[in-house]
PDB file of N, CA and C in Angstrom:
ATOM      1  N   MET A   1     129.783 124.746  91.020  1.00  0.00           N
ATOM      2  CA  MET A   1     129.731 124.294  92.337  1.00  0.00           C
ATOM      3  C   MET A   1     128.215 123.623  92.557  1.00  0.00           C
ATOM      4  N   LEU A   2     128.455 122.430  92.890  1.00  0.00           N
ATOM      5  CA  LEU A   2     127.307 121.378  93.365  1.00  0.00           C
ATOM      6  C   LEU A   2     126.480 121.883  94.716  1.00  0.00           C
ATOM      7  N   THR A   3     125.086 121.849  94.221  1.00  0.00           N
ATOM      8  CA  THR A   3     124.140 122.319  95.394  1.00  0.00           C
ATOM      9  C   THR A   3     123.406 121.354  95.824  1.00  0.00           C
ATOM     10  N   ALA A   4     122.887 120.504  94.929  1.00  0.00           N
ATOM     11  CA  ALA A   4     121.943 119.580  95.246  1.00  0.00           C
ATOM     12  C   ALA A   4     121.912 118.368  94.267  1.00  0.00           C
ATOM     13  N   ILE A   5     121.207 117.180  94.395  1.00  0.00           N
ATOM     14  CA  ILE A   5     121.019 116.331  93.256  1.00  0.00           C
ATOM     15  C   ILE A   5     119.558 115.638  93.542  1.00  0.00           C
ATOM     16  N   HIS A   6     119.010 115.620  92.198  1.00  0.00           N
ATOM     17  CA  HIS A   6     117.559 115.074  92.194  1.00  0.00           C
ATOM     18  C   HIS A   6     117.570 113.778  91.527  1.00  0.00           C
ATOM     19  N   PRO A   7     117.639 112.622  92.056  1.00  0.00           N
ATOM     20  CA  PRO A   7     117.518 111.396  91.207  1.00  0.00           C
ATOM     21  C   PRO A   7     116.318 111.407  90.227  1.00  0.00           C
ATOM     22  N   LYS A   8     116.467 110.640  89.162  1.00  0.00           N
ATOM     23  CA  LYS A   8     115.558 110.424  88.230  1.00  0.00           C
ATOM     24  C   LYS A   8     114.955 108.839  88.280  1.00  0.00           C
ATOM     25  N   LEU A   9     113.855 108.518  88.474  1.00  0.00           N
ATOM     26  CA  LEU A   9     113.692 107.226  88.557  1.00  0.00           C
ATOM     27  C   LEU A   9     112.449 106.669  87.596  1.00  0.00           C
ATOM     28  N   PRO A  10     112.419 105.516  87.149  1.00  0.00           N
ATOM     29  CA  PRO A  10     111.293 105.425  86.275  1.00  0.00           C
ATOM     30  C   PRO A  10     109.999 104.784  86.877  1.00  0.00           C
ATOM     31  N   MET A  11     108.811 105.083  86.164  1.00  0.00           N
ATOM     32  CA  MET A  11     107.699 104.956  86.995  1.00  0.00           C
ATOM     33  C   MET A  11     106.805 104.328  85.566  1.00  0.00           C
ATOM     34  N   ARG A  12     105.649 103.507  86.121  1.00  0.00           N
ATOM     35  CA  ARG A  12     104.766 103.002  85.013  1.00  0.00           C
ATOM     36  C   ARG A  12     103.534 104.069  85.165  1.00  0.00           C
ATOM     37  N   ASP A  13     103.136 104.512  86.286  1.00  0.00           N
ATOM     38  CA  ASP A  13     101.835 104.883  86.250  1.00  0.00           C
ATOM     39  C   ASP A  13     101.976 106.338  87.106  1.00  0.00           C
ATOM     40  N   ILE A  14     101.844 107.477  86.619  1.00  0.00           N
ATOM     41  CA  ILE A  14     102.194 108.793  87.505  1.00  0.00           C
ATOM     42  C   ILE A  14     101.360 108.861  88.598  1.00  0.00           C
ATOM     43  N   PHE A  15     100.046 108.407  88.548  1.00  0.00           N
ATOM     44  CA  PHE A  15      99.170 108.634  89.521  1.00  0.00           C
ATOM     45  C   PHE A  15      99.338 107.507  90.719  1.00  0.00           C
ATOM     46  N   ARG A  16      99.733 106.457  90.458  1.00  0.00           N
ATOM     47  CA  ARG A  16     100.110 105.446  91.420  1.00  0.00           C
ATOM     48  C   ARG A  16     101.517 105.847  91.957  1.00  0.00           C
ATOM     49  N   THR A  17     102.393 106.554  91.290  1.00  0.00           N
ATOM     50  CA  THR A  17     103.644 106.804  91.994  1.00  0.00           C
ATOM     51  C   THR A  17     103.272 108.066  92.954  1.00  0.00           C
ATOM     52  N   LYS A  18     102.635 108.970  92.537  1.00  0.00           N
ATOM     53  CA  LYS A  18     102.351 110.205  93.235  1.00  0.00           C
ATOM     54  C   LYS A  18     101.685 109.729  94.653  1.00  0.00           C
ATOM     55  N   ALA A  19     100.674 108.873  94.513  1.00  0.00           N
ATOM     56  CA  ALA A  19      99.873 108.327  95.675  1.00  0.00           C
ATOM     57  C   ALA A  19     100.724 107.462  96.627  1.00  0.00           C
ATOM     58  N   TYR A  20     101.805 106.970  96.029  1.00  0.00           N
ATOM     59  CA  TYR A  20     102.765 106.031  96.850  1.00  0.00           C
ATOM     60  C   TYR A  20     103.410 106.967  97.698  1.00  0.00           C
ATOM     61  N   TYR A  21     103.851 107.932  96.958  1.00  0.00           N
ATOM     62  CA  TYR A  21     105.134 108.846  97.729  1.00  0.00           C
ATOM     63  C   TYR A  21     104.563 109.677  98.627  1.00  0.00           C
ATOM     64  N   THR A  22     103.248 110.249  98.293  1.00  0.00           N
ATOM     65  CA  THR A  22     102.387 111.086  99.012  1.00  0.00           C
ATOM     66  C   THR A  22     102.023 110.546 100.513  1.00  0.00           C
ATOM     67  N   GLN A  23     101.759 109.278 100.384  1.00  0.00           N
ATOM     68  CA  GLN A  23     101.564 108.241 101.608  1.00  0.00           C
ATOM     69  C   GLN A  23     103.019 108.557 102.303  1.00  0.00           C
ATOM     70  N   LEU A  24     104.084 108.539 101.759  1.00  0.00           N
ATOM     71  CA  LEU A  24     105.474 108.730 102.618  1.00  0.00           C
ATOM     72  C   LEU A  24     105.499 109.875 103.046  1.00  0.00           C
ATOM     73  N   GLY A  25     104.896 110.825 102.650  1.00  0.00           N
ATOM     74  CA  GLY A  25     104.672 112.351 103.244  1.00  0.00           C
ATOM     75  C   GLY A  25     105.289 113.290 102.221  1.00  0.00           C
ATOM     76  N   PHE A  26     105.637 112.958 100.930  1.00  0.00           N
ATOM     77  CA  PHE A  26     106.416 114.028  99.908  1.00  0.00           C
ATOM     78  C   PHE A  26     105.104 114.388  99.483  1.00  0.00           C
ATOM     79  N   GLN A  27     105.457 115.630  98.830  1.00  0.00           N
ATOM     80  CA  GLN A  27     104.345 116.555  98.035  1.00  0.00           C
ATOM     81  C   GLN A  27     104.919 116.827  96.901  1.00  0.00           C
ATOM     82  N   GLN A  28     103.914 117.047  96.055  1.00  0.00           N
ATOM     83  CA  GLN A  28     104.419 117.314  94.477  1.00  0.00           C
ATOM     84  C   GLN A  28     105.115 118.475  94.308  1.00  0.00           C
ATOM     85  N   ALA A  29     106.272 118.745  93.878  1.00  0.00           N
ATOM     86  CA  ALA A  29     107.112 119.890  93.491  1.00  0.00           C
ATOM     87  C   ALA A  29     106.940 120.326  91.997  1.00  0.00           C
ATOM     88  N   GLY A  30     106.459 121.423  91.757  1.00  0.00           N
ATOM     89  CA  GLY A  30     106.316 121.910  90.492  1.00  0.00           C
ATOM     90  C   GLY A  30     105.114 121.754  89.872  1.00  0.00           C
ATOM     91  N   ASN A  31     104.931 121.610  88.536  1.00  0.00           N
ATOM     92  CA  ASN A  31     103.570 121.345  87.967  1.00  0.00           C
ATOM     93  C   ASN A  31     103.495 120.171  87.661  1.00  0.00           C
ATOM     94  N   ASP A  32     102.258 120.002  86.849  1.00  0.00           N
ATOM     95  CA  ASP A  32     102.015 118.806  86.350  1.00  0.00           C
ATOM     96  C   ASP A  32     102.774 118.834  84.996  1.00  0.00           C
ATOM     97  N   TYR A  33     103.466 117.784  84.388  1.00  0.00           N
ATOM     98  CA  TYR A  33     104.165 117.601  83.297  1.00  0.00           C
ATOM     99  C   TYR A  33     103.849 116.202  82.811  1.00  0.00           C
ATOM    100  N   ASP A  34     103.513 116.309  81.450  1.00  0.00           N
ATOM    101  CA  ASP A  34     103.161 114.873  80.612  1.00  0.00           C
ATOM    102  C   ASP A  34     104.252 113.901  80.854  1.00  0.00           C
ATOM    103  N   GLY A  35     104.039 113.093  81.553  1.00  0.00           N
ATOM    104  CA  GLY A  35     104.964 111.882  82.036  1.00  0.00           C
ATOM    105  C   GLY A  35     106.304 112.001  82.676  1.00  0.00           C
ATOM    106  N   TYR A  36     106.015 113.199  83.364  1.00  0.00           N
ATOM    107  CA  TYR A  36     106.973 113.424  84.410  1.00  0.00           C
ATOM    108  C   TYR A  36     106.511 114.095  85.832  1.00  0.00           C
ATOM    109  N   LEU A  37     107.153 113.801  86.797  1.00  0.00           N
ATOM    110  CA  LEU A  37     106.779 113.780  88.222  1.00  0.00           C
ATOM    111  C   LEU A  37     107.881 114.278  89.198  1.00  0.00           C
ATOM    112  N   MET A  38     107.601 115.232  89.872  1.00  0.00           N
ATOM    113  CA  MET A  38     108.630 115.853  90.764  1.00  0.00           C
ATOM    114  C   MET A  38     108.219 115.744  92.400  1.00  0.00           C
ATOM    115  N   MET A  39     108.640 114.875  93.191  1.00  0.00           N
ATOM    116  CA  MET A  39     108.204 115.021  94.695  1.00  0.00           C
ATOM    117  C   MET A  39     109.021 115.241  95.610  1.00  0.00           C
ATOM    118  N   LYS A  40     108.693 116.117  96.764  1.00  0.00           N
ATOM    119  CA  LYS A  40     109.840 116.566  97.657  1.00  0.00           C
ATOM    120  C   LYS A  40     109.221 116.290  98.944  1.00  0.00           C
ATOM    121  N   LEU A  41     110.180 116.025  99.898  1.00  0.00           N
ATOM    122  CA  LEU A  41     109.921 116.121 101.360  1.00  0.00           C
ATOM    123  C   LEU A  41     111.298 116.562 102.183  1.00  0.00           C
ATOM    124  N   ASP A  42     110.955 117.745 102.748  1.00  0.00           N
ATOM    125  CA  ASP A  42     112.036 118.187 103.416  1.00  0.00           C
ATOM    126  C   ASP A  42     112.963 118.822 102.326  1.00  0.00           C
ATOM    127  N   THR A  43     114.237 118.560 102.203  1.00  0.00           N
ATOM    128  CA  THR A  43     115.239 118.845 101.177  1.00  0.00           C
ATOM    129  C   THR A  43     115.556 117.853 100.057  1.00  0.00           C
ATOM    130  N   VAL A  44     114.811 116.598 100.526  1.00  0.00           N
ATOM    131  CA  VAL A  44     114.965 115.831  99.430  1.00  0.00           C
ATOM    132  C   VAL A  44     113.799 115.540  98.109  1.00  0.00           C
ATOM    133  N   GLU A  45     114.377 115.570  97.047  1.00  0.00           N
ATOM    134  CA  GLU A  45     113.552 115.865  95.918  1.00  0.00           C
ATOM    135  C   GLU A  45     113.732 114.479  94.904  1.00  0.00           C
ATOM    136  N   ILE A  46     112.772 113.980  94.457  1.00  0.00           N
ATOM    137  CA  ILE A  46     112.962 112.828  93.612  1.00  0.00           C
ATOM    138  C   ILE A  46     112.133 112.886  92.482  1.00  0.00           C
ATOM    139  N   HIS A  47     112.721 112.825  91.310  1.00  0.00           N
ATOM    140  CA  HIS A  47     111.930 113.028  89.989  1.00  0.00           C
ATOM    141  C   HIS A  47     111.635 111.375  89.262  1.00  0.00           C
ATOM    142  N   PHE A  48     110.564 111.536  88.488  1.00  0.00           N
ATOM    143  CA  PHE A  48     110.116 110.203  87.953  1.00  0.00           C
ATOM    144  C   PHE A  48     109.958 110.398  86.421  1.00  0.00           C
ATOM    145  N   PHE A  49     110.308 109.614  85.696  1.00  0.00           N
ATOM    146  CA  PHE A  49     109.974 109.880  84.313  1.00  0.00           C
ATOM    147  C   PHE A  49     109.236 108.575  83.821  1.00  0.00           C
ATOM    148  N   ALA A  50     108.039 108.732  82.817  1.00  0.00           N
ATOM    149  CA  ALA A  50     107.291 107.672  82.543  1.00  0.00           C
ATOM    150  C   ALA A  50     108.202 106.722  81.471  1.00  0.00           C
ATOM    151  N   PHE A  51     107.988 105.398  81.998  1.00  0.00           N
ATOM    152  CA  PHE A  51     108.387 104.229  81.468  1.00  0.00           C
ATOM    153  C   PHE A  51     107.362 103.089  81.591  1.00  0.00           C
ATOM    154  N   LYS A  52     106.281 103.218  80.481  1.00  0.00           N
ATOM    155  CA  LYS A  52     105.074 102.401  80.918  1.00  0.00           C
ATOM    156  C   LYS A  52     105.581 100.816  80.502  1.00  0.00           C
ATOM    157  N   GLU A  53     106.759 100.691  79.643  1.00  0.00           N
ATOM    158  CA  GLU A  53     107.021  99.289  79.353  1.00  0.00           C
ATOM    159  C   GLU A  53     107.854  98.822  80.353  1.00  0.00           C
ATOM    160  N   LEU A  54     108.060  99.213  81.545  1.00  0.00           N
ATOM    161  CA  LEU A  54     108.972  98.991  82.560  1.00  0.00           C
ATOM    162  C   LEU A  54     108.677  97.697  83.074  1.00  0.00           C
ATOM    163  N   ASP A  55     109.597  96.706  83.303  1.00  0.00           N
ATOM    164  CA  ASP A  55     109.080  95.314  83.841  1.00  0.00           C
ATOM    165  C   ASP A  55     109.955  95.543  85.333  1.00  0.00           C
ATOM    166  N   PRO A  56     108.891  95.957  86.337  1.00  0.00           N
ATOM    167  CA  PRO A  56     109.558  96.136  87.870  1.00  0.00           C
ATOM    168  C   PRO A  56     110.448  95.012  88.426  1.00  0.00           C
ATOM    169  N   LEU A  57     110.207  93.881  88.082  1.00  0.00           N
ATOM    170  CA  LEU A  57     111.334  92.985  88.341  1.00  0.00           C
ATOM    171  C   LEU A  57     112.599  93.025  87.696  1.00  0.00           C
ATOM    172  N   GLU A  58     112.789  93.706  86.821  1.00  0.00           N
ATOM    173  CA  GLU A  58     114.135  94.210  86.090  1.00  0.00           C
ATOM    174  C   GLU A  58     114.753  95.499  86.423  1.00  0.00           C
ATOM    175  N   ASN A  59     113.985  96.268  87.229  1.00  0.00           N
ATOM    176  CA  ASN A  59     114.294  97.497  87.542  1.00  0.00           C
ATOM    177  C   ASN A  59     115.492  97.596  88.713  1.00  0.00           C
ATOM    178  N   TYR A  60     116.517  98.295  88.549  1.00  0.00           N
ATOM    179  CA  TYR A  60     117.363  98.472  89.405  1.00  0.00           C
ATOM    180  C   TYR A  60     117.619  99.964  90.036  1.00  0.00           C
ATOM    181  N   GLY A  61     116.399 100.780  89.606  1.00  0.00           N
ATOM    182  CA  GLY A  61     116.638 101.944  90.486  1.00  0.00           C
ATOM    183  C   GLY A  61     116.711 102.061  91.972  1.00  0.00           C
ATOM    184  N   GLN A  62     117.836 102.866  92.484  1.00  0.00           N
ATOM    185  CA  GLN A  62     118.137 102.943  93.890  1.00  0.00           C
ATOM    186  C   GLN A  62     118.369 104.310  94.400  1.00  0.00           C
ATOM    187  N   VAL A  63     118.004 104.615  95.402  1.00  0.00           N
ATOM    188  CA  VAL A  63     118.279 106.056  96.166  1.00  0.00           C
ATOM    189  C   VAL A  63     118.697 105.733  97.592  1.00  0.00           C
ATOM    190  N   TYR A  64     119.615 106.324  98.027  1.00  0.00           N
ATOM    191  CA  TYR A  64     120.074 106.290  99.540  1.00  0.00           C
ATOM    192  C   TYR A  64     119.652 107.713 100.115  1.00  0.00           C
ATOM    193  N   ILE A  65     118.860 107.698 101.163  1.00  0.00           N
ATOM    194  CA  ILE A  65     118.435 108.878 101.701  1.00  0.00           C
ATOM    195  C   ILE A  65     118.693 108.883 102.971  1.00  0.00           C
ATOM    196  N   ARG A  66     119.530 109.984 103.477  1.00  0.00           N
ATOM    197  CA  ARG A  66     120.029 110.137 104.769  1.00  0.00           C
ATOM    198  C   ARG A  66     119.032 110.822 105.491  1.00  0.00           C
ATOM    199  N   THR A  67     118.777 110.654 106.965  1.00  0.00           N
ATOM    200  CA  THR A  67     117.802 111.056 107.885  1.00  0.00           C
ATOM    201  C   THR A  67     118.522 111.487 109.063  1.00  0.00           C
ATOM    202  N   THR A  68     117.941 112.345 110.079  1.00  0.00           N
ATOM    203  CA  THR A  68     118.422 112.554 111.193  1.00  0.00           C
ATOM    204  C   THR A  68     117.350 111.925 112.460  1.00  0.00           C
ATOM    205  N   ALA A  69     116.508 111.327 112.027  1.00  0.00           N
ATOM    206  CA  ALA A  69     115.357 110.576 112.604  1.00  0.00           C
ATOM    207  C   ALA A  69     115.129 109.228 112.251  1.00  0.00           C
ATOM    208  N   ILE A  70     116.111 108.364 112.119  1.00  0.00           N
ATOM    209  CA  ILE A  70     115.606 107.255 111.558  1.00  0.00           C
ATOM    210  C   ILE A  70     114.529 106.161 112.450  1.00  0.00           C
ATOM    211  N   ASP A  71     114.617 106.297 113.656  1.00  0.00           N
ATOM    212  CA  ASP A  71     113.576 105.472 114.404  1.00  0.00           C
ATOM    213  C   ASP A  71     112.316 106.091 114.383  1.00  0.00           C
ATOM    214  N   ALA A  72     112.214 107.261 114.266  1.00  0.00           N
ATOM    215  CA  ALA A  72     110.716 108.046 114.094  1.00  0.00           C
ATOM    216  C   ALA A  72     110.290 107.884 112.637  1.00  0.00           C
ATOM    217  N   LEU A  73     111.130 107.895 111.743  1.00  0.00           N
ATOM    218  CA  LEU A  73     110.666 107.637 110.421  1.00  0.00           C
ATOM    219  C   LEU A  73     110.327 106.080 110.408  1.00  0.00           C
ATOM    220  N   TYR A  74     110.947 105.159 110.711  1.00  0.00           N
ATOM    221  CA  TYR A  74     110.715 103.684 110.542  1.00  0.00           C
ATOM    222  C   TYR A  74     109.430 103.507 111.174  1.00  0.00           C
ATOM    223  N   ALA A  75     109.088 104.013 112.291  1.00  0.00           N
ATOM    224  CA  ALA A  75     107.936 103.934 113.156  1.00  0.00           C
ATOM    225  C   ALA A  75     106.669 104.256 112.392  1.00  0.00           C
ATOM    226  N   SER A  76     107.062 105.471 111.930  1.00  0.00           N
ATOM    227  CA  SER A  76     105.968 106.196 111.282  1.00  0.00           C
ATOM    228  C   SER A  76     105.482 105.247 110.158  1.00  0.00           C
ATOM    229  N   PHE A  77     106.207 104.943 109.334  1.00  0.00           N
ATOM    230  CA  PHE A  77     106.131 104.099 108.090  1.00  0.00           C
ATOM    231  C   PHE A  77     105.273 102.908 108.252  1.00  0.00           C
ATOM    232  N   THR A  78     105.833 101.895 109.709  1.00  0.00           N
ATOM    233  CA  THR A  78     105.286 100.897 109.856  1.00  0.00           C
ATOM    234  C   THR A  78     103.722 101.042 110.466  1.00  0.00           C
ATOM    235  N   ALA A  79     103.769 102.031 111.220  1.00  0.00           N
ATOM    236  CA  ALA A  79     102.220 102.420 111.944  1.00  0.00           C
ATOM    237  C   ALA A  79     101.171 102.766 110.961  1.00  0.00           C
ATOM    238  N   ASN A  80     101.794 103.375 109.671  1.00  0.00           N
ATOM    239  CA  ASN A  80     100.856 103.620 108.421  1.00  0.00           C
ATOM    240  C   ASN A  80     100.848 102.484 107.439  1.00  0.00           C
ATOM    241  N   ASN A  81     101.350 101.137 107.875  1.00  0.00           N
ATOM    242  CA  ASN A  81     101.459 100.076 106.895  1.00  0.00           C
ATOM    243  C   ASN A  81     101.920 100.280 105.628  1.00  0.00           C
ATOM    244  N   ILE A  82     102.990 100.810 105.679  1.00  0.00           N
ATOM    245  CA  ILE A  82     103.711 101.036 104.323  1.00  0.00           C
ATOM    246  C   ILE A  82     104.799  99.809 104.607  1.00  0.00           C
ATOM    247  N   ALA A  83     104.835  98.991 103.598  1.00  0.00           N
ATOM    248  CA  ALA A  83     105.635  97.791 103.400  1.00  0.00           C
ATOM    249  C   ALA A  83     107.175  98.133 103.513  1.00  0.00           C
ATOM    250  N   ILE A  84     107.618  97.459 104.303  1.00  0.00           N
ATOM    251  CA  ILE A  84     109.246  97.355 104.328  1.00  0.00           C
ATOM    252  C   ILE A  84     109.572  96.343 103.657  1.00  0.00           C
ATOM    253  N   HIS A  85     110.943  96.624 102.825  1.00  0.00           N
ATOM    254  CA  HIS A  85     111.481  95.285 102.203  1.00  0.00           C
ATOM    255  C   HIS A  85     111.841  94.208 103.015  1.00  0.00           C
ATOM    256  N   PRO A  86     111.370  93.276 102.658  1.00  0.00           N
ATOM    257  CA  PRO A  86     111.656  91.767 103.215  1.00  0.00           C
ATOM    258  C   PRO A  86     113.050  91.753 103.837  1.00  0.00           C
ATOM    259  N   ASN A  87     113.987  92.428 103.012  1.00  0.00           N
ATOM    260  CA  ASN A  87     115.391  92.080 103.612  1.00  0.00           C
ATOM    261  C   ASN A  87     115.921  93.318 104.173  1.00  0.00           C
ATOM    262  N   GLY A  88     114.981  94.331 104.162  1.00  0.00           N
ATOM    263  CA  GLY A  88     115.508  96.030 104.866  1.00  0.00           C
ATOM    264  C   GLY A  88     114.889  96.173 106.028  1.00  0.00           C
ATOM    265  N   HIS A  89     114.661  95.676 106.858  1.00  0.00           N
ATOM    266  CA  HIS A  89     114.062  96.048 108.092  1.00  0.00           C
ATOM    267  C   HIS A  89     115.076  96.846 108.925  1.00  0.00           C
ATOM    268  N   LEU A  90     114.898  97.595 109.894  1.00  0.00           N
ATOM    269  CA  LEU A  90     115.721  98.651 110.676  1.00  0.00           C
ATOM    270  C   LEU A  90     116.726  97.769 111.287  1.00  0.00           C
ATOM    271  N   GLN A  91     117.898  98.317 110.935  1.00  0.00           N
ATOM    272  CA  GLN A  91     118.966  97.424 111.589  1.00  0.00           C
ATOM    273  C   GLN A  91     120.174  98.299 111.237  1.00  0.00           C
ATOM    274  N   VAL A  92     121.418  98.184 112.290  1.00  0.00           N
ATOM    275  CA  VAL A  92     122.745  98.698 112.209  1.00  0.00           C
ATOM    276  C   VAL A  92     123.747  97.906 111.240  1.00  0.00           C
ATOM    277  N   LYS A  93     124.222  98.542 110.397  1.00  0.00           N
ATOM    278  CA  LYS A  93     125.242  97.841 109.355  1.00  0.00           C
ATOM    279  C   LYS A  93     126.486  97.812 109.764  1.00  0.00           C
ATOM    280  N   PRO A  94     127.387  97.068 109.341  1.00  0.00           N
ATOM    281  CA  PRO A  94     128.610  97.223 109.684  1.00  0.00           C
ATOM    282  C   PRO A  94     129.423  98.494 109.170  1.00  0.00           C
ATOM    283  N   TRP A  95     128.969  99.257 108.266  1.00  0.00           N
ATOM    284  CA  TRP A  95     129.508 100.399 107.850  1.00  0.00           C
ATOM    285  C   TRP A  95     129.088 101.763 108.730  1.00  0.00           C
ATOM    286  N   GLY A  96     128.630 101.468 109.533  1.00  0.00           N
ATOM    287  CA  GLY A  96     128.250 102.456 110.795  1.00  0.00           C
ATOM    288  C   GLY A  96     126.823 103.544 110.595  1.00  0.00           C
ATOM    289  N   GLN A  97     125.971 102.635 109.779  1.00  0.00           N
ATOM    290  CA  GLN A  97     124.543 103.391 109.419  1.00  0.00           C
ATOM    291  C   GLN A  97     123.508 102.306 109.879  1.00  0.00           C
ATOM    292  N   LYS A  98     122.592 103.171 110.461  1.00  0.00           N
ATOM    293  CA  LYS A  98     121.480 102.423 110.893  1.00  0.00           C
ATOM    294  C   LYS A  98     120.312 102.809 109.682  1.00  0.00           C
ATOM    295  N   GLU A  99     119.712 101.530 109.378  1.00  0.00           N
ATOM    296  CA  GLU A  99     119.213 101.581 107.752  1.00  0.00           C
ATOM    297  C   GLU A  99     117.771 100.669 107.813  1.00  0.00           C
ATOM    298  N   PHE A 100     117.035 101.008 106.919  1.00  0.00           N
ATOM    299  CA  PHE A 100     116.016 100.230 106.258  1.00  0.00           C
ATOM    300  C   PHE A 100     115.504 100.627 104.966  1.00  0.00           C
ATOM    301  N   SER A 101     114.713  99.845 104.389  1.00  0.00           N
ATOM    302  CA  SER A 101     114.622 100.084 102.879  1.00  0.00           C
ATOM    303  C   SER A 101     113.270  99.696 102.643  1.00  0.00           C
ATOM    304  N   LEU A 102     112.757 100.334 101.481  1.00  0.00           N
ATOM    305  CA  LEU A 102     111.314 100.056 100.875  1.00  0.00           C
ATOM    306  C   LEU A 102     111.484 100.125  99.296  1.00  0.00           C
ATOM    307  N   LEU A 103     110.466  99.317  98.628  1.00  0.00           N
ATOM    308  CA  LEU A 103     110.196  98.980  97.237  1.00  0.00           C
ATOM    309  C   LEU A 103     108.954  99.869  96.797  1.00  0.00           C
ATOM    310  N   ASP A 104     109.229 100.836  95.818  1.00  0.00           N
ATOM    311  CA  ASP A 104     108.186 101.334  95.220  1.00  0.00           C
ATOM    312  C   ASP A 104     107.243 100.673  94.567  1.00  0.00           C
ATOM    313  N   PRO A 105     106.024 101.063  94.013  1.00  0.00           N
ATOM    314  CA  PRO A 105     105.327 100.328  92.969  1.00  0.00           C
ATOM    315  C   PRO A 105     105.848  99.982  91.802  1.00  0.00           C
ATOM    316  N   ASP A 106     107.258 100.591  91.348  1.00  0.00           N
ATOM    317  CA  ASP A 106     107.966 100.249  90.279  1.00  0.00           C
ATOM    318  C   ASP A 106     109.174  99.479  90.655  1.00  0.00           C
ATOM    319  N   HIS A 107     109.399  98.928  92.007  1.00  0.00           N
ATOM    320  CA  HIS A 107     110.534  98.521  92.420  1.00  0.00           C
ATOM    321  C   HIS A 107     111.859  99.134  92.472  1.00  0.00           C
ATOM    322  N   ASN A 108     111.569 100.732  92.367  1.00  0.00           N
ATOM    323  CA  ASN A 108     112.562 101.360  92.795  1.00  0.00           C
ATOM    324  C   ASN A 108     113.159 101.370  94.335  1.00  0.00           C
ATOM    325  N   LEU A 109     114.572 100.965  94.757  1.00  0.00           N
ATOM    326  CA  LEU A 109     114.739 100.815  96.037  1.00  0.00           C
ATOM    327  C   LEU A 109     115.068 101.928  96.608  1.00  0.00           C
ATOM    328  N   LEU A 110     114.424 102.453  97.868  1.00  0.00           N
ATOM    329  CA  LEU A 110     114.722 103.369  98.770  1.00  0.00           C
ATOM    330  C   LEU A 110     115.292 102.950  99.851  1.00  0.00           C
ATOM    331  N   THR A 111     116.521 103.497 100.369  1.00  0.00           N
ATOM    332  CA  THR A 111     117.109 103.080 101.661  1.00  0.00           C
ATOM    333  C   THR A 111     117.400 104.410 102.398  1.00  0.00           C
ATOM    334  N   PHE A 112     116.743 104.213 103.612  1.00  0.00           N
ATOM    335  CA  PHE A 112     116.969 105.249 104.605  1.00  0.00           C
ATOM    336  C   PHE A 112     118.068 104.999 105.270  1.00  0.00           C
ATOM    337  N   GLY A 113     119.013 106.108 105.737  1.00  0.00           N
ATOM    338  CA  GLY A 113     120.193 105.819 106.655  1.00  0.00           C
ATOM    339  C   GLY A 113     120.641 106.706 107.457  1.00  0.00           C
ATOM    340  N   GLU A 114     120.813 106.633 108.725  1.00  0.00           N
ATOM    341  CA  GLU A 114     121.306 107.556 109.655  1.00  0.00           C
ATOM    342  C   GLU A 114     122.593 107.000 110.279  1.00  0.00           C
ATOM    343  N   ALA A 115     123.802 107.960 110.136  1.00  0.00           N
ATOM    344  CA  ALA A 115     125.006 107.481 111.133  1.00  0.00           C
ATOM    345  C   ALA A 115     124.627 106.956 112.532  1.00  0.00           C
ATOM    346  N   VAL A 116     125.408 106.063 112.891  1.00  0.00           N
ATOM    347  CA  VAL A 116     125.548 105.532 114.147  1.00  0.00           C
ATOM    348  C   VAL A 116     126.626 106.321 114.942  1.00  0.00           C
ATOM    349  N   GLU A 117     126.317 106.860 116.275  1.00  0.00           N
ATOM    350  CA  GLU A 117     127.306 107.448 116.813  1.00  0.00           C
ATOM    351  C   GLU A 117     127.991 106.525 118.170  1.00  0.00           C
TER     352      GLU A 117
END
């Protein structure tokens, strides 16, 4: 039986990744591991593995995160000067989701979505 999923994304610098996700409200989950980081917010946990040679412009890491408070989350991020993806500002999509997106320092795409009723 499946109970959860924890995507693993590449990172070039553990300190920079940790600082970015902390700014989003995540906290470190677990211990410090050499070249491995786990960050958690509410029930969402994202893992990161060291990939120092990563070219961010060639990174296609993506995560879709569902939320129940998209407007508040978007407002919080913009109020804290967190850069929104240039093509990912808050909008209702044809597939019935209200979404916005961010790019982390390694160009992992984080899309946040909430069902529109």
